[in-house]
Amino acid sequence: MSMSDPFAPPVDNSLSLQRTWKLKRVGILSCGIFGATAGAAFGLVAAGLFLMVVVFAALVAPANSSEVMPVVGAGIGLMFGAPIGYGLLGFLGGILNAFVYNTVANLSGGIEVEFGD
């Protein structure tokens, strides 16, 4: 208990709280899952943009035009393919980044991370 603040919690000086740690390795699979999730989320945003382009192309095309069907088909394919493709590439990129980080951190000692109040 502090004399200047009688309501302050007691301070235990016997415990040394380390606030700086070294990040020496990261989990390869967890980085892959994170990359896949982020990539799939970006793919959903991209699919929404593709959908807007397809709807605009369908509205602008003449009513009896057969040229709009390939655009609609490609748009529908991209709506499903973009989240899957971006998710897969994000997973592979996350695994590759984690592998490279673990290799370099093993040689250099890692990254020093400081946490504060």
N, C-alpha and C. Protein backbone atom coordinates (compact mmCIF):
# COMPACT_ATOMS: atom_id res chain seq x y z
N MET A 1 0.85 -1.17 0.00
CA MET A 1 0.00 0.00 0.00
C MET A 1 0.89 1.23 0.00
N SER A 2 0.55 2.16 -0.82
CA SER A 2 1.33 3.38 -0.93
C SER A 2 0.85 4.39 0.11
N MET A 3 1.80 5.17 0.61
CA MET A 3 1.45 6.19 1.59
C MET A 3 0.73 7.36 0.94
N SER A 4 1.02 7.62 -0.35
CA SER A 4 0.38 8.76 -0.99
C SER A 4 -1.05 8.42 -1.45
N ASP A 5 -1.34 7.17 -1.72
CA ASP A 5 -2.67 6.76 -2.14
C ASP A 5 -3.10 5.55 -1.31
N PRO A 6 -3.92 5.76 -0.32
CA PRO A 6 -4.29 4.65 0.56
C PRO A 6 -5.18 3.61 -0.13
N PHE A 7 -5.76 3.94 -1.29
CA PHE A 7 -6.64 3.02 -1.98
C PHE A 7 -5.94 2.25 -3.11
N ALA A 8 -4.66 2.51 -3.31
CA ALA A 8 -3.91 1.81 -4.34
C ALA A 8 -3.68 0.36 -3.93
N PRO A 9 -3.73 -0.56 -4.90
CA PRO A 9 -3.48 -1.96 -4.56
C PRO A 9 -2.03 -2.15 -4.13
N PRO A 10 -1.77 -3.15 -3.31
CA PRO A 10 -0.40 -3.38 -2.87
C PRO A 10 0.48 -3.79 -4.05
N VAL A 11 1.72 -3.37 -4.00
CA VAL A 11 2.68 -3.67 -5.05
C VAL A 11 3.62 -4.76 -4.55
N ASP A 12 3.70 -5.86 -5.31
CA ASP A 12 4.59 -6.96 -4.96
C ASP A 12 5.83 -6.83 -5.83
N ASN A 13 6.92 -6.38 -5.25
CA ASN A 13 8.16 -6.20 -6.00
C ASN A 13 8.93 -7.49 -6.19
N SER A 14 8.46 -8.59 -5.61
CA SER A 14 9.18 -9.85 -5.74
C SER A 14 8.96 -10.48 -7.12
N LEU A 15 7.87 -10.14 -7.78
CA LEU A 15 7.60 -10.67 -9.11
C LEU A 15 8.17 -9.72 -10.16
N SER A 16 8.98 -10.25 -11.02
CA SER A 16 9.55 -9.44 -12.09
C SER A 16 8.76 -9.72 -13.36
N LEU A 17 8.00 -8.76 -13.82
CA LEU A 17 7.23 -8.92 -15.04
C LEU A 17 8.07 -8.50 -16.23
N GLN A 18 8.36 -9.46 -17.09
CA GLN A 18 9.12 -9.15 -18.29
C GLN A 18 8.18 -8.61 -19.34
N ARG A 19 8.47 -7.46 -19.88
CA ARG A 19 7.59 -6.84 -20.87
C ARG A 19 8.16 -6.94 -22.27
N THR A 20 9.34 -7.49 -22.42
CA THR A 20 9.95 -7.63 -23.73
C THR A 20 10.23 -9.11 -23.97
N TRP A 21 9.69 -9.61 -25.08
CA TRP A 21 9.91 -11.00 -25.45
C TRP A 21 10.44 -11.07 -26.86
N LYS A 22 11.08 -12.19 -27.17
CA LYS A 22 11.54 -12.44 -28.54
C LYS A 22 10.62 -13.44 -29.19
N LEU A 23 10.15 -13.10 -30.36
CA LEU A 23 9.32 -14.00 -31.15
C LEU A 23 10.26 -14.85 -32.00
N LYS A 24 10.51 -16.07 -31.53
CA LYS A 24 11.51 -16.91 -32.18
C LYS A 24 10.93 -17.82 -33.26
N ARG A 25 9.67 -18.18 -33.15
CA ARG A 25 9.05 -18.98 -34.20
C ARG A 25 7.54 -18.77 -34.18
N VAL A 26 6.93 -19.01 -35.32
CA VAL A 26 5.47 -18.92 -35.44
C VAL A 26 4.95 -20.27 -35.93
N GLY A 27 3.70 -20.56 -35.61
CA GLY A 27 3.08 -21.80 -36.05
C GLY A 27 2.77 -21.75 -37.53
N ILE A 28 3.27 -22.72 -38.26
CA ILE A 28 3.10 -22.72 -39.72
C ILE A 28 1.63 -22.92 -40.09
N LEU A 29 0.98 -23.87 -39.46
CA LEU A 29 -0.42 -24.13 -39.80
C LEU A 29 -1.32 -22.97 -39.39
N SER A 30 -1.06 -22.35 -38.23
CA SER A 30 -1.90 -21.22 -37.82
C SER A 30 -1.72 -20.03 -38.75
N CYS A 31 -0.51 -19.82 -39.25
CA CYS A 31 -0.31 -18.74 -40.23
C CYS A 31 -1.02 -19.06 -41.54
N GLY A 32 -1.03 -20.34 -41.92
CA GLY A 32 -1.74 -20.74 -43.13
C GLY A 32 -3.24 -20.54 -43.00
N ILE A 33 -3.79 -20.88 -41.83
CA ILE A 33 -5.23 -20.70 -41.61
C ILE A 33 -5.58 -19.22 -41.58
N PHE A 34 -4.73 -18.42 -40.96
CA PHE A 34 -4.97 -16.98 -40.95
C PHE A 34 -4.94 -16.42 -42.37
N GLY A 35 -3.95 -16.82 -43.16
CA GLY A 35 -3.86 -16.36 -44.54
C GLY A 35 -5.05 -16.79 -45.37
N ALA A 36 -5.53 -18.03 -45.14
CA ALA A 36 -6.69 -18.52 -45.89
C ALA A 36 -7.94 -17.73 -45.53
N THR A 37 -8.10 -17.42 -44.25
CA THR A 37 -9.27 -16.65 -43.81
C THR A 37 -9.24 -15.24 -44.39
N ALA A 38 -8.08 -14.60 -44.31
CA ALA A 38 -7.96 -13.25 -44.86
C ALA A 38 -8.15 -13.26 -46.37
N GLY A 39 -7.58 -14.25 -47.06
CA GLY A 39 -7.73 -14.34 -48.50
C GLY A 39 -9.17 -14.59 -48.92
N ALA A 40 -9.86 -15.47 -48.20
CA ALA A 40 -11.26 -15.75 -48.53
C ALA A 40 -12.13 -14.51 -48.29
N ALA A 41 -11.84 -13.77 -47.23
CA ALA A 41 -12.60 -12.54 -46.97
C ALA A 41 -12.38 -11.54 -48.11
N PHE A 42 -11.14 -11.41 -48.55
CA PHE A 42 -10.86 -10.53 -49.68
C PHE A 42 -11.54 -11.05 -50.94
N GLY A 43 -11.58 -12.38 -51.10
CA GLY A 43 -12.26 -12.97 -52.25
C GLY A 43 -13.74 -12.68 -52.26
N LEU A 44 -14.36 -12.64 -51.08
CA LEU A 44 -15.78 -12.29 -51.00
C LEU A 44 -16.02 -10.84 -51.45
N VAL A 45 -15.11 -9.95 -51.05
CA VAL A 45 -15.22 -8.55 -51.49
C VAL A 45 -15.05 -8.47 -53.01
N ALA A 46 -14.06 -9.20 -53.53
CA ALA A 46 -13.84 -9.21 -54.97
C ALA A 46 -15.04 -9.81 -55.70
N ALA A 47 -15.65 -10.84 -55.13
CA ALA A 47 -16.83 -11.45 -55.74
C ALA A 47 -17.99 -10.46 -55.80
N GLY A 48 -18.14 -9.64 -54.77
CA GLY A 48 -19.17 -8.60 -54.80
C GLY A 48 -18.93 -7.60 -55.91
N LEU A 49 -17.67 -7.24 -56.13
CA LEU A 49 -17.35 -6.32 -57.23
C LEU A 49 -17.63 -6.98 -58.58
N PHE A 50 -17.26 -8.27 -58.71
CA PHE A 50 -17.55 -8.99 -59.94
C PHE A 50 -19.05 -9.03 -60.20
N LEU A 51 -19.83 -9.25 -59.15
CA LEU A 51 -21.28 -9.30 -59.28
C LEU A 51 -21.83 -7.97 -59.79
N MET A 52 -21.31 -6.87 -59.27
CA MET A 52 -21.77 -5.56 -59.74
C MET A 52 -21.44 -5.36 -61.22
N VAL A 53 -20.28 -5.80 -61.66
CA VAL A 53 -19.90 -5.67 -63.07
C VAL A 53 -20.80 -6.53 -63.94
N VAL A 54 -21.10 -7.74 -63.49
CA VAL A 54 -21.96 -8.63 -64.27
C VAL A 54 -23.37 -8.07 -64.38
N VAL A 55 -23.91 -7.57 -63.29
CA VAL A 55 -25.25 -6.98 -63.33
C VAL A 55 -25.27 -5.76 -64.24
N PHE A 56 -24.24 -4.93 -64.18
CA PHE A 56 -24.17 -3.76 -65.05
C PHE A 56 -24.08 -4.18 -66.51
N ALA A 57 -23.27 -5.20 -66.80
CA ALA A 57 -23.14 -5.68 -68.18
C ALA A 57 -24.46 -6.25 -68.69
N ALA A 58 -25.18 -6.95 -67.82
CA ALA A 58 -26.46 -7.51 -68.24
C ALA A 58 -27.50 -6.42 -68.47
N LEU A 59 -27.44 -5.35 -67.69
CA LEU A 59 -28.41 -4.26 -67.86
C LEU A 59 -28.12 -3.43 -69.10
N VAL A 60 -26.85 -3.29 -69.45
CA VAL A 60 -26.47 -2.45 -70.59
C VAL A 60 -26.65 -3.19 -71.91
N ALA A 61 -26.51 -4.51 -71.90
CA ALA A 61 -26.59 -5.29 -73.15
C ALA A 61 -28.01 -5.27 -73.70
N PRO A 62 -28.14 -5.37 -75.01
CA PRO A 62 -29.48 -5.47 -75.60
C PRO A 62 -30.20 -6.73 -75.12
N ALA A 63 -31.51 -6.70 -75.13
CA ALA A 63 -32.31 -7.77 -74.55
C ALA A 63 -32.13 -9.10 -75.27
N ASN A 64 -31.96 -9.09 -76.58
CA ASN A 64 -31.85 -10.34 -77.32
C ASN A 64 -30.40 -10.70 -77.64
N SER A 65 -29.46 -10.10 -77.00
CA SER A 65 -28.05 -10.32 -77.29
C SER A 65 -27.57 -11.62 -76.66
N SER A 66 -26.89 -12.42 -77.45
CA SER A 66 -26.31 -13.66 -76.92
C SER A 66 -24.90 -13.42 -76.40
N GLU A 67 -24.39 -12.22 -76.56
CA GLU A 67 -23.03 -11.91 -76.11
C GLU A 67 -22.94 -11.70 -74.61
N VAL A 68 -24.07 -11.49 -73.94
CA VAL A 68 -24.04 -11.23 -72.51
C VAL A 68 -23.93 -12.52 -71.70
N MET A 69 -24.34 -13.65 -72.28
CA MET A 69 -24.33 -14.91 -71.53
C MET A 69 -22.93 -15.35 -71.11
N PRO A 70 -21.90 -15.23 -71.96
CA PRO A 70 -20.55 -15.59 -71.47
C PRO A 70 -20.09 -14.68 -70.32
N VAL A 71 -20.48 -13.43 -70.36
CA VAL A 71 -20.10 -12.52 -69.28
C VAL A 71 -20.80 -12.92 -67.98
N VAL A 72 -22.08 -13.26 -68.08
CA VAL A 72 -22.82 -13.70 -66.89
C VAL A 72 -22.24 -15.00 -66.35
N GLY A 73 -21.91 -15.93 -67.24
CA GLY A 73 -21.32 -17.20 -66.82
C GLY A 73 -19.97 -17.00 -66.16
N ALA A 74 -19.15 -16.13 -66.73
CA ALA A 74 -17.85 -15.85 -66.12
C ALA A 74 -18.02 -15.16 -64.77
N GLY A 75 -18.99 -14.27 -64.68
CA GLY A 75 -19.23 -13.58 -63.41
C GLY A 75 -19.68 -14.53 -62.32
N ILE A 76 -20.56 -15.46 -62.66
CA ILE A 76 -21.02 -16.44 -61.67
C ILE A 76 -19.87 -17.35 -61.27
N GLY A 77 -19.06 -17.76 -62.24
CA GLY A 77 -17.89 -18.58 -61.93
C GLY A 77 -16.90 -17.86 -61.02
N LEU A 78 -16.69 -16.58 -61.28
CA LEU A 78 -15.77 -15.81 -60.45
C LEU A 78 -16.34 -15.55 -59.05
N MET A 79 -17.66 -15.48 -58.95
CA MET A 79 -18.26 -15.27 -57.62
C MET A 79 -17.95 -16.43 -56.70
N PHE A 80 -17.93 -17.64 -57.24
CA PHE A 80 -17.59 -18.81 -56.43
C PHE A 80 -16.09 -19.08 -56.42
N GLY A 81 -15.43 -18.79 -57.53
CA GLY A 81 -14.01 -19.09 -57.64
C GLY A 81 -13.11 -18.13 -56.90
N ALA A 82 -13.52 -16.87 -56.80
CA ALA A 82 -12.65 -15.87 -56.16
C ALA A 82 -12.41 -16.18 -54.68
N PRO A 83 -13.43 -16.43 -53.86
CA PRO A 83 -13.13 -16.73 -52.45
C PRO A 83 -12.33 -18.02 -52.28
N ILE A 84 -12.62 -19.02 -53.11
CA ILE A 84 -11.88 -20.28 -53.00
C ILE A 84 -10.43 -20.09 -53.45
N GLY A 85 -10.25 -19.41 -54.58
CA GLY A 85 -8.89 -19.19 -55.09
C GLY A 85 -8.06 -18.30 -54.18
N TYR A 86 -8.64 -17.19 -53.73
CA TYR A 86 -7.91 -16.30 -52.83
C TYR A 86 -7.64 -16.98 -51.49
N GLY A 87 -8.58 -17.81 -51.02
CA GLY A 87 -8.37 -18.54 -49.77
C GLY A 87 -7.23 -19.54 -49.90
N LEU A 88 -7.19 -20.26 -51.02
CA LEU A 88 -6.11 -21.23 -51.24
C LEU A 88 -4.76 -20.54 -51.36
N LEU A 89 -4.72 -19.47 -52.13
CA LEU A 89 -3.46 -18.73 -52.26
C LEU A 89 -3.04 -18.09 -50.94
N GLY A 90 -4.00 -17.62 -50.15
CA GLY A 90 -3.68 -17.07 -48.84
C GLY A 90 -3.12 -18.12 -47.91
N PHE A 91 -3.67 -19.34 -47.97
CA PHE A 91 -3.16 -20.44 -47.15
C PHE A 91 -1.72 -20.78 -47.53
N LEU A 92 -1.46 -20.91 -48.82
CA LEU A 92 -0.10 -21.22 -49.28
C LEU A 92 0.86 -20.08 -48.94
N GLY A 93 0.41 -18.84 -49.11
CA GLY A 93 1.27 -17.70 -48.76
C GLY A 93 1.56 -17.63 -47.28
N GLY A 94 0.57 -17.93 -46.44
CA GLY A 94 0.79 -17.93 -45.00
C GLY A 94 1.78 -18.99 -44.57
N ILE A 95 1.66 -20.18 -45.16
CA ILE A 95 2.61 -21.26 -44.85
C ILE A 95 4.01 -20.88 -45.29
N LEU A 96 4.14 -20.32 -46.49
CA LEU A 96 5.45 -19.93 -47.00
C LEU A 96 6.06 -18.82 -46.13
N ASN A 97 5.27 -17.82 -45.78
CA ASN A 97 5.78 -16.74 -44.93
C ASN A 97 6.23 -17.25 -43.56
N ALA A 98 5.45 -18.16 -42.97
CA ALA A 98 5.81 -18.71 -41.66
C ALA A 98 7.09 -19.52 -41.76
N PHE A 99 7.23 -20.30 -42.83
CA PHE A 99 8.45 -21.09 -43.00
C PHE A 99 9.67 -20.19 -43.15
N VAL A 100 9.54 -19.15 -43.96
CA VAL A 100 10.66 -18.21 -44.15
C VAL A 100 10.98 -17.50 -42.84
N TYR A 101 9.94 -17.07 -42.11
CA TYR A 101 10.20 -16.39 -40.84
C TYR A 101 10.91 -17.31 -39.86
N ASN A 102 10.45 -18.55 -39.73
CA ASN A 102 11.07 -19.47 -38.80
C ASN A 102 12.53 -19.74 -39.17
N THR A 103 12.82 -19.82 -40.46
CA THR A 103 14.19 -20.05 -40.90
C THR A 103 15.08 -18.85 -40.59
N VAL A 104 14.60 -17.66 -40.90
CA VAL A 104 15.40 -16.45 -40.66
C VAL A 104 15.51 -16.16 -39.16
N ALA A 105 14.44 -16.38 -38.41
CA ALA A 105 14.48 -16.14 -36.96
C ALA A 105 15.43 -17.10 -36.27
N ASN A 106 15.57 -18.30 -36.80
CA ASN A 106 16.52 -19.25 -36.23
C ASN A 106 17.95 -18.75 -36.41
N LEU A 107 18.22 -18.06 -37.50
CA LEU A 107 19.55 -17.54 -37.76
C LEU A 107 19.81 -16.21 -37.05
N SER A 108 18.79 -15.36 -36.97
CA SER A 108 18.99 -14.00 -36.45
C SER A 108 18.54 -13.82 -35.01
N GLY A 109 17.81 -14.77 -34.45
CA GLY A 109 17.39 -14.64 -33.05
C GLY A 109 15.96 -14.18 -32.88
N GLY A 110 15.26 -13.86 -33.93
CA GLY A 110 13.86 -13.48 -33.81
C GLY A 110 13.63 -11.99 -33.75
N ILE A 111 12.38 -11.62 -33.52
CA ILE A 111 11.97 -10.23 -33.43
C ILE A 111 11.68 -9.92 -31.97
N GLU A 112 12.18 -8.81 -31.49
CA GLU A 112 11.91 -8.40 -30.12
C GLU A 112 10.60 -7.63 -30.08
N VAL A 113 9.70 -8.09 -29.21
CA VAL A 113 8.37 -7.49 -29.10
C VAL A 113 8.22 -6.94 -27.68
N GLU A 114 7.75 -5.70 -27.56
CA GLU A 114 7.59 -5.08 -26.26
C GLU A 114 6.11 -4.84 -26.00
N PHE A 115 5.65 -5.29 -24.82
CA PHE A 115 4.27 -5.09 -24.41
C PHE A 115 4.24 -4.09 -23.28
N GLY A 116 3.25 -3.22 -23.28
CA GLY A 116 3.14 -2.22 -22.23
C GLY A 116 1.75 -2.20 -21.63
N ASP A 117 1.59 -1.34 -20.67
CA ASP A 117 0.31 -1.22 -19.96
C ASP A 117 -0.74 -0.62 -20.84
